[in-house]
Amino acid sequence: MGTLLARITAAGRPDGSDGIGIRALKVLDAVGGAEELDTITESLKRAVQGLPLGRLRDVMHGRALGHPLHPALVQVPVGAWLSAAVLDVVPGSERAARLLVAVGVVTAAPAAWTGWADWAEQHEQQMRTGLVHAASMAAATGLYGASWVARSRRRNMLGRALGFVGLAAVGTGAAIGGHLAYRQAAGANKAEPVAHLVEPGWHTLGHTEDFTAGAAARRMIGEVPVLVVRQAEDVFYVLADRCSHFSGPLSQGKVADGCVTCPWHGSVFRLTDGWNVGGPATAPQPRFDTRRDQDGNLQARLPDAG
């Protein structure tokens, strides 16, 4: 832990060339590289993944929405607490502010649970940063809980003070969450760039006889790897190979029951249309049209390429 603190301190030390924002960014980058946190993250990861959530896990990931659920749920407690801070400077609004503080504390729980579900399926750097994000938001929730208790006992000055400190913790946690989402790409659709990288038109992937029925094969279309599965004599399926969840190689996954399972985090995609039918992935895989040319070669094209 001492090494971690030293690294973070060094990253944030002003040298005359970096502004405050750049120094804060370097601190967050240092947290992402802090291997000292792995002992904690690995234990928590096993605990979260071991919860018997069943189909609820897909709901918590936001698969039905097509994007993570956590950022949407976070808006409720953060909005309630920010509104309470506004009311704290408006005379006669003590009761309304107390209610909003309570709403924030109660709704922070489901927001946190969806965040933990996503966090347990992330890579090491994201998990380290996410741990700090969770700690900041947990501190904020605790401060607002104490604020609600103080307000309920008519100690409004103390309640306001705890609320404003809690709001600072919320802001810090939100900044770290932004770092996770936009700099470390947690929750982003990793397959989205495929349509912009593949050239329009038909691309030859090899002779049809080169592909074994029921087996996954990897081919390249320009710089984009694709998964090829031959189901029958003249039935071929081609999907983008990099999983939309975390770019896992689908060509190394299991093909069964008309689906392919990512070997990294277990996301399941339907071969016929690339739809994500299970696992932490919230976006489908780009699906390519296929045909056999007059020489017996398998060709593929992405309908919306370019």
Protein backbone atom coordinates (compact mmCIF):
# COMPACT_ATOMS: atom_id res chain seq x y z
CA MET A 1 0.00 0.00 0.00
CA GLY A 2 2.91 2.32 0.67
CA THR A 3 4.16 1.75 -2.87
CA LEU A 4 0.72 2.62 -4.22
CA LEU A 5 0.56 5.87 -2.25
CA ALA A 6 4.05 6.78 -3.42
CA ARG A 7 3.08 6.17 -7.05
CA ILE A 8 -0.08 8.23 -6.76
CA THR A 9 1.76 11.05 -4.98
CA ALA A 10 4.43 11.11 -7.66
CA ALA A 11 1.83 11.13 -10.43
CA GLY A 12 0.03 14.09 -8.90
CA ARG A 13 3.09 16.14 -8.04
CA PRO A 14 3.20 19.43 -9.97
CA ASP A 15 6.31 19.91 -12.11
CA GLY A 16 5.45 23.24 -13.62
CA SER A 17 4.19 21.86 -16.92
CA ASP A 18 0.91 20.12 -16.03
CA GLY A 19 -2.31 21.80 -15.02
CA ILE A 20 -4.57 20.55 -12.25
CA GLY A 21 -6.66 18.51 -14.69
CA ILE A 22 -3.65 16.73 -16.16
CA ARG A 23 -2.29 15.95 -12.69
CA ALA A 24 -5.65 14.49 -11.65
CA LEU A 25 -5.69 12.41 -14.82
CA LYS A 26 -2.22 11.05 -14.07
CA VAL A 27 -3.34 10.14 -10.57
CA LEU A 28 -6.27 8.14 -11.97
CA ASP A 29 -3.96 6.46 -14.50
CA ALA A 30 -1.67 5.52 -11.61
CA VAL A 31 -4.61 3.94 -9.77
CA GLY A 32 -5.41 1.86 -12.85
CA GLY A 33 -1.87 0.51 -12.82
CA ALA A 34 -1.80 -0.22 -9.08
CA GLU A 35 -1.30 -3.99 -8.92
CA GLU A 36 -1.32 -3.72 -5.12
CA LEU A 37 -5.12 -3.51 -5.31
CA ASP A 38 -5.44 -6.88 -7.05
CA THR A 39 -5.65 -8.84 -3.80
CA ILE A 40 -8.79 -6.90 -2.91
CA THR A 41 -10.29 -6.88 -6.38
CA GLU A 42 -9.83 -10.62 -6.92
CA SER A 43 -11.59 -11.47 -3.67
CA LEU A 44 -14.47 -9.12 -4.40
CA LYS A 45 -14.71 -10.36 -7.98
CA ARG A 46 -15.12 -13.96 -6.84
CA ALA A 47 -17.74 -12.91 -4.30
CA VAL A 48 -19.81 -10.96 -6.83
CA GLN A 49 -19.54 -13.62 -9.53
CA GLY A 50 -20.50 -16.29 -7.00
CA LEU A 51 -23.86 -14.69 -6.17
CA PRO A 52 -26.76 -16.89 -7.36
CA LEU A 53 -28.42 -14.17 -9.42
CA GLY A 54 -29.54 -16.28 -12.37
CA ARG A 55 -31.29 -14.28 -15.09
CA LEU A 56 -31.28 -11.23 -12.84
CA ARG A 57 -27.59 -10.83 -13.67
CA ASP A 58 -28.43 -10.03 -17.32
CA VAL A 59 -31.01 -7.51 -16.11
CA MET A 60 -28.40 -5.87 -13.90
CA HIS A 61 -26.00 -5.65 -16.83
CA GLY A 62 -28.71 -3.89 -18.84
CA ARG A 63 -28.77 -6.39 -21.70
CA ALA A 64 -32.42 -5.60 -22.51
CA LEU A 65 -31.57 -1.89 -22.75
CA GLY A 66 -28.65 -2.42 -25.12
CA HIS A 67 -26.28 -0.60 -22.77
CA PRO A 68 -25.26 -0.83 -19.08
CA LEU A 69 -28.06 -0.14 -16.60
CA HIS A 70 -25.78 1.29 -13.91
CA PRO A 71 -25.29 4.80 -15.40
CA ALA A 72 -29.06 5.22 -15.74
CA LEU A 73 -29.80 4.21 -12.14
CA VAL A 74 -27.06 6.47 -10.81
CA GLN A 75 -28.98 9.51 -12.05
CA VAL A 76 -31.62 9.07 -9.33
CA PRO A 77 -29.47 9.33 -6.16
CA VAL A 78 -27.11 11.88 -7.68
CA GLY A 79 -30.03 14.01 -8.86
CA ALA A 80 -31.75 13.76 -5.47
CA TRP A 81 -28.62 14.76 -3.57
CA LEU A 82 -27.82 17.63 -5.92
CA SER A 83 -31.39 18.90 -5.57
CA ALA A 84 -31.12 18.63 -1.78
CA ALA A 85 -27.98 20.78 -1.91
CA VAL A 86 -29.91 23.46 -3.82
CA LEU A 87 -32.75 23.37 -1.30
CA ASP A 88 -30.26 23.63 1.57
CA VAL A 89 -29.62 27.24 0.57
CA VAL A 90 -33.35 28.02 0.23
CA PRO A 91 -34.99 29.08 3.54
CA GLY A 92 -37.89 26.93 4.69
CA SER A 93 -36.95 23.89 2.56
CA GLU A 94 -35.63 21.67 5.34
CA ARG A 95 -38.35 19.02 5.04
CA ALA A 96 -38.06 18.71 1.26
CA ALA A 97 -34.25 18.55 1.46
CA ARG A 98 -34.47 15.81 4.10
CA LEU A 99 -36.81 13.80 1.85
CA LEU A 100 -34.48 14.10 -1.13
CA VAL A 101 -31.50 13.01 0.96
CA ALA A 102 -33.46 9.90 1.98
CA VAL A 103 -34.47 9.18 -1.62
CA GLY A 104 -30.82 9.34 -2.62
CA VAL A 105 -29.71 6.96 0.12
CA VAL A 106 -32.41 4.40 -0.71
CA THR A 107 -31.88 4.47 -4.49
CA ALA A 108 -28.10 4.30 -4.15
CA ALA A 109 -28.44 0.58 -3.31
CA PRO A 110 -29.76 -0.70 -6.67
CA ALA A 111 -27.39 1.63 -8.50
CA ALA A 112 -24.49 0.15 -6.55
CA TRP A 113 -25.56 -3.45 -7.19
CA THR A 114 -25.70 -2.94 -10.95
CA GLY A 115 -22.30 -1.28 -10.78
CA TRP A 116 -20.79 -4.23 -8.91
CA ALA A 117 -22.28 -6.66 -11.46
CA ASP A 118 -20.56 -4.79 -14.31
CA TRP A 119 -17.35 -4.31 -12.33
CA ALA A 120 -16.87 -8.05 -11.78
CA GLU A 121 -16.66 -8.58 -15.57
CA GLN A 122 -14.04 -5.90 -16.27
CA HIS A 123 -10.30 -6.14 -16.81
CA GLU A 124 -7.68 -5.46 -14.14
CA GLN A 125 -7.08 -1.75 -14.77
CA GLN A 126 -10.79 -1.00 -14.82
CA MET A 127 -11.39 -3.04 -11.68
CA ARG A 128 -8.71 -1.11 -9.77
CA THR A 129 -10.15 2.23 -10.82
CA GLY A 130 -13.68 0.96 -10.20
CA LEU A 131 -12.76 -0.01 -6.66
CA VAL A 132 -11.80 3.60 -5.91
CA HIS A 133 -14.98 4.80 -7.63
CA ALA A 134 -17.06 2.45 -5.44
CA ALA A 135 -15.25 3.58 -2.29
CA SER A 136 -15.97 7.22 -3.09
CA MET A 137 -19.65 6.55 -3.73
CA ALA A 138 -19.91 4.41 -0.60
CA ALA A 139 -18.43 7.27 1.41
CA ALA A 140 -20.95 9.63 -0.15
CA THR A 141 -23.82 7.32 0.74
CA GLY A 142 -22.59 7.02 4.32
CA LEU A 143 -22.28 10.80 4.64
CA TYR A 144 -25.77 11.33 3.29
CA GLY A 145 -27.12 8.65 5.63
CA ALA A 146 -25.57 10.53 8.54
CA SER A 147 -26.96 13.76 7.10
CA TRP A 148 -30.46 12.29 7.09
CA VAL A 149 -30.10 11.17 10.72
CA ALA A 150 -28.91 14.63 11.75
CA ARG A 151 -31.76 16.34 9.89
CA SER A 152 -34.31 13.95 11.45
CA ARG A 153 -33.05 15.02 14.88
CA ARG A 154 -33.49 18.67 13.93
CA ARG A 155 -29.74 19.22 13.75
CA ASN A 156 -30.11 20.90 10.38
CA MET A 157 -26.79 22.73 10.34
CA LEU A 158 -24.91 19.48 10.85
CA GLY A 159 -27.14 17.77 8.29
CA ARG A 160 -26.37 20.43 5.69
CA ALA A 161 -22.64 20.25 6.40
CA LEU A 162 -22.61 16.47 6.03
CA GLY A 163 -24.64 16.81 2.84
CA PHE A 164 -22.18 19.20 1.24
CA VAL A 165 -19.24 16.96 2.15
CA GLY A 166 -21.21 14.05 0.71
CA LEU A 167 -21.79 16.02 -2.48
CA ALA A 168 -18.03 16.53 -2.81
CA ALA A 169 -17.58 12.76 -2.49
CA VAL A 170 -20.27 12.23 -5.14
CA GLY A 171 -18.49 14.61 -7.47
CA THR A 172 -15.21 12.78 -6.96
CA GLY A 173 -16.86 9.42 -7.58
CA ALA A 174 -18.58 10.75 -10.69
CA ALA A 175 -15.27 12.01 -12.06
CA ILE A 176 -13.71 8.59 -11.51
CA GLY A 177 -16.74 6.98 -13.15
CA GLY A 178 -16.24 9.23 -16.16
CA HIS A 179 -12.62 8.14 -16.30
CA LEU A 180 -13.78 4.52 -16.31
CA ALA A 181 -16.32 5.07 -19.06
CA TYR A 182 -14.43 7.35 -21.41
CA ARG A 183 -10.71 6.82 -20.86
CA GLN A 184 -10.82 3.13 -19.93
CA ALA A 185 -13.91 2.35 -22.08
CA ALA A 186 -15.77 0.37 -19.42
CA GLY A 187 -19.22 -0.55 -20.71
CA ALA A 188 -18.61 0.71 -24.23
CA ASN A 189 -19.55 -1.40 -27.26
CA LYS A 190 -16.19 -2.71 -28.47
CA ALA A 191 -17.69 -3.87 -31.78
CA GLU A 192 -19.06 -0.45 -32.76
CA PRO A 193 -16.00 0.58 -34.84
CA VAL A 194 -16.26 -2.49 -37.09
CA ALA A 195 -18.62 -0.85 -39.58
CA HIS A 196 -16.20 2.06 -39.95
CA LEU A 197 -13.13 -0.15 -40.46
CA VAL A 198 -14.48 -2.62 -43.02
CA GLU A 199 -14.46 -1.56 -46.66
CA PRO A 200 -17.78 -1.83 -48.51
CA GLY A 201 -18.33 -4.71 -50.89
CA TRP A 202 -17.57 -8.42 -50.93
CA HIS A 203 -14.40 -9.84 -49.37
CA THR A 204 -13.02 -13.32 -50.00
CA LEU A 205 -12.39 -15.36 -46.85
CA GLY A 206 -11.13 -18.59 -48.44
CA HIS A 207 -12.43 -21.60 -50.29
CA THR A 208 -15.56 -23.09 -48.76
CA GLU A 209 -13.85 -26.46 -48.40
CA ASP A 210 -11.31 -24.86 -46.04
CA PHE A 211 -14.00 -24.58 -43.35
CA THR A 212 -15.05 -27.50 -41.15
CA ALA A 213 -18.73 -27.83 -40.28
CA GLY A 214 -19.51 -26.81 -36.70
CA ALA A 215 -16.03 -25.41 -36.02
CA ALA A 216 -15.12 -21.78 -35.43
CA ALA A 217 -12.54 -20.24 -37.78
CA ARG A 218 -10.87 -16.85 -37.74
CA ARG A 219 -10.26 -14.83 -40.90
CA MET A 220 -9.37 -11.20 -41.62
CA ILE A 221 -11.23 -8.59 -43.63
CA GLY A 222 -8.66 -5.86 -43.91
CA GLU A 223 -7.66 -5.16 -40.31
CA VAL A 224 -10.87 -6.58 -38.85
CA PRO A 225 -10.91 -10.20 -37.61
CA VAL A 226 -14.09 -12.16 -38.26
CA LEU A 227 -15.55 -15.41 -36.98
CA VAL A 228 -16.60 -17.93 -39.62
CA VAL A 229 -18.83 -20.88 -38.75
CA ARG A 230 -19.91 -23.43 -41.34
CA GLN A 231 -23.16 -25.00 -40.22
CA ALA A 232 -24.02 -27.07 -43.29
CA GLU A 233 -22.87 -27.61 -46.86
CA ASP A 234 -23.87 -24.18 -48.04
CA VAL A 235 -24.73 -22.41 -44.77
CA PHE A 236 -22.09 -20.07 -43.38
CA TYR A 237 -22.25 -17.50 -40.62
CA VAL A 238 -19.78 -14.63 -40.30
CA LEU A 239 -19.67 -12.30 -37.29
CA ALA A 240 -17.14 -9.75 -36.08
CA ASP A 241 -14.67 -11.78 -34.04
CA ARG A 242 -13.97 -9.31 -31.24
CA CYS A 243 -16.68 -9.54 -28.57
CA SER A 244 -18.69 -6.36 -28.10
CA HIS A 245 -18.19 -6.66 -24.34
CA PHE A 246 -14.38 -6.66 -24.05
CA SER A 247 -13.01 -7.66 -27.46
CA GLY A 248 -12.67 -11.33 -26.51
CA PRO A 249 -11.86 -13.68 -29.43
CA LEU A 250 -15.14 -15.41 -30.32
CA SER A 251 -13.26 -17.71 -32.69
CA GLN A 252 -11.73 -19.32 -29.60
CA GLY A 253 -15.13 -19.79 -27.97
CA LYS A 254 -17.59 -22.67 -27.96
CA VAL A 255 -20.04 -23.08 -30.85
CA ALA A 256 -23.25 -24.87 -29.87
CA ASP A 257 -27.02 -24.64 -30.38
CA GLY A 258 -26.67 -21.98 -33.04
CA CYS A 259 -24.67 -19.68 -30.78
CA VAL A 260 -21.08 -18.85 -29.93
CA THR A 261 -19.90 -18.18 -26.38
CA CYS A 262 -17.09 -15.73 -25.71
CA PRO A 263 -14.24 -17.49 -23.87
CA TRP A 264 -13.45 -14.45 -21.72
CA HIS A 265 -16.65 -13.51 -19.89
CA GLY A 266 -19.26 -15.91 -21.24
CA SER A 267 -21.31 -13.59 -23.45
CA VAL A 268 -23.46 -15.61 -25.87
CA PHE A 269 -24.23 -14.47 -29.42
CA ARG A 270 -26.65 -15.98 -31.93
CA LEU A 271 -24.94 -16.90 -35.18
CA THR A 272 -27.87 -16.07 -37.44
CA ASP A 273 -27.98 -12.38 -36.57
CA GLY A 274 -25.24 -11.71 -34.00
CA TRP A 275 -27.78 -10.94 -31.27
CA ASN A 276 -26.48 -11.10 -27.70
CA VAL A 277 -28.69 -13.64 -25.97
CA GLY A 278 -26.77 -13.93 -22.70
CA GLY A 279 -23.81 -12.84 -20.65
CA PRO A 280 -22.51 -9.39 -19.76
CA ALA A 281 -22.44 -8.10 -23.35
CA THR A 282 -25.15 -5.50 -23.95
CA ALA A 283 -24.58 -5.00 -27.70
CA PRO A 284 -24.85 -7.54 -30.54
CA GLN A 285 -22.06 -8.56 -32.90
CA PRO A 286 -21.93 -7.09 -36.41
CA ARG A 287 -23.19 -9.77 -38.82
CA PHE A 288 -21.89 -10.18 -42.37
CA ASP A 289 -23.82 -11.34 -45.41
CA THR A 290 -22.25 -14.37 -47.11
CA ARG A 291 -22.16 -15.92 -50.56
CA ARG A 292 -20.18 -18.45 -52.59
CA ASP A 293 -18.60 -17.17 -55.79
CA GLN A 294 -18.27 -19.13 -59.03
CA ASP A 295 -14.87 -20.50 -57.93
CA GLY A 296 -16.24 -21.91 -54.68
CA ASN A 297 -14.81 -19.18 -52.46
CA LEU A 298 -16.67 -17.91 -49.42
CA GLN A 299 -17.23 -14.16 -49.53
CA ALA A 300 -18.66 -11.80 -46.92
CA ARG A 301 -19.78 -8.21 -46.76
CA LEU A 302 -21.04 -5.93 -44.02
CA PRO A 303 -24.29 -4.26 -45.16
CA ASP A 304 -23.58 -0.94 -43.42
CA ALA A 305 -19.80 -0.89 -43.96
CA GLY A 306 -18.18 2.49 -44.47
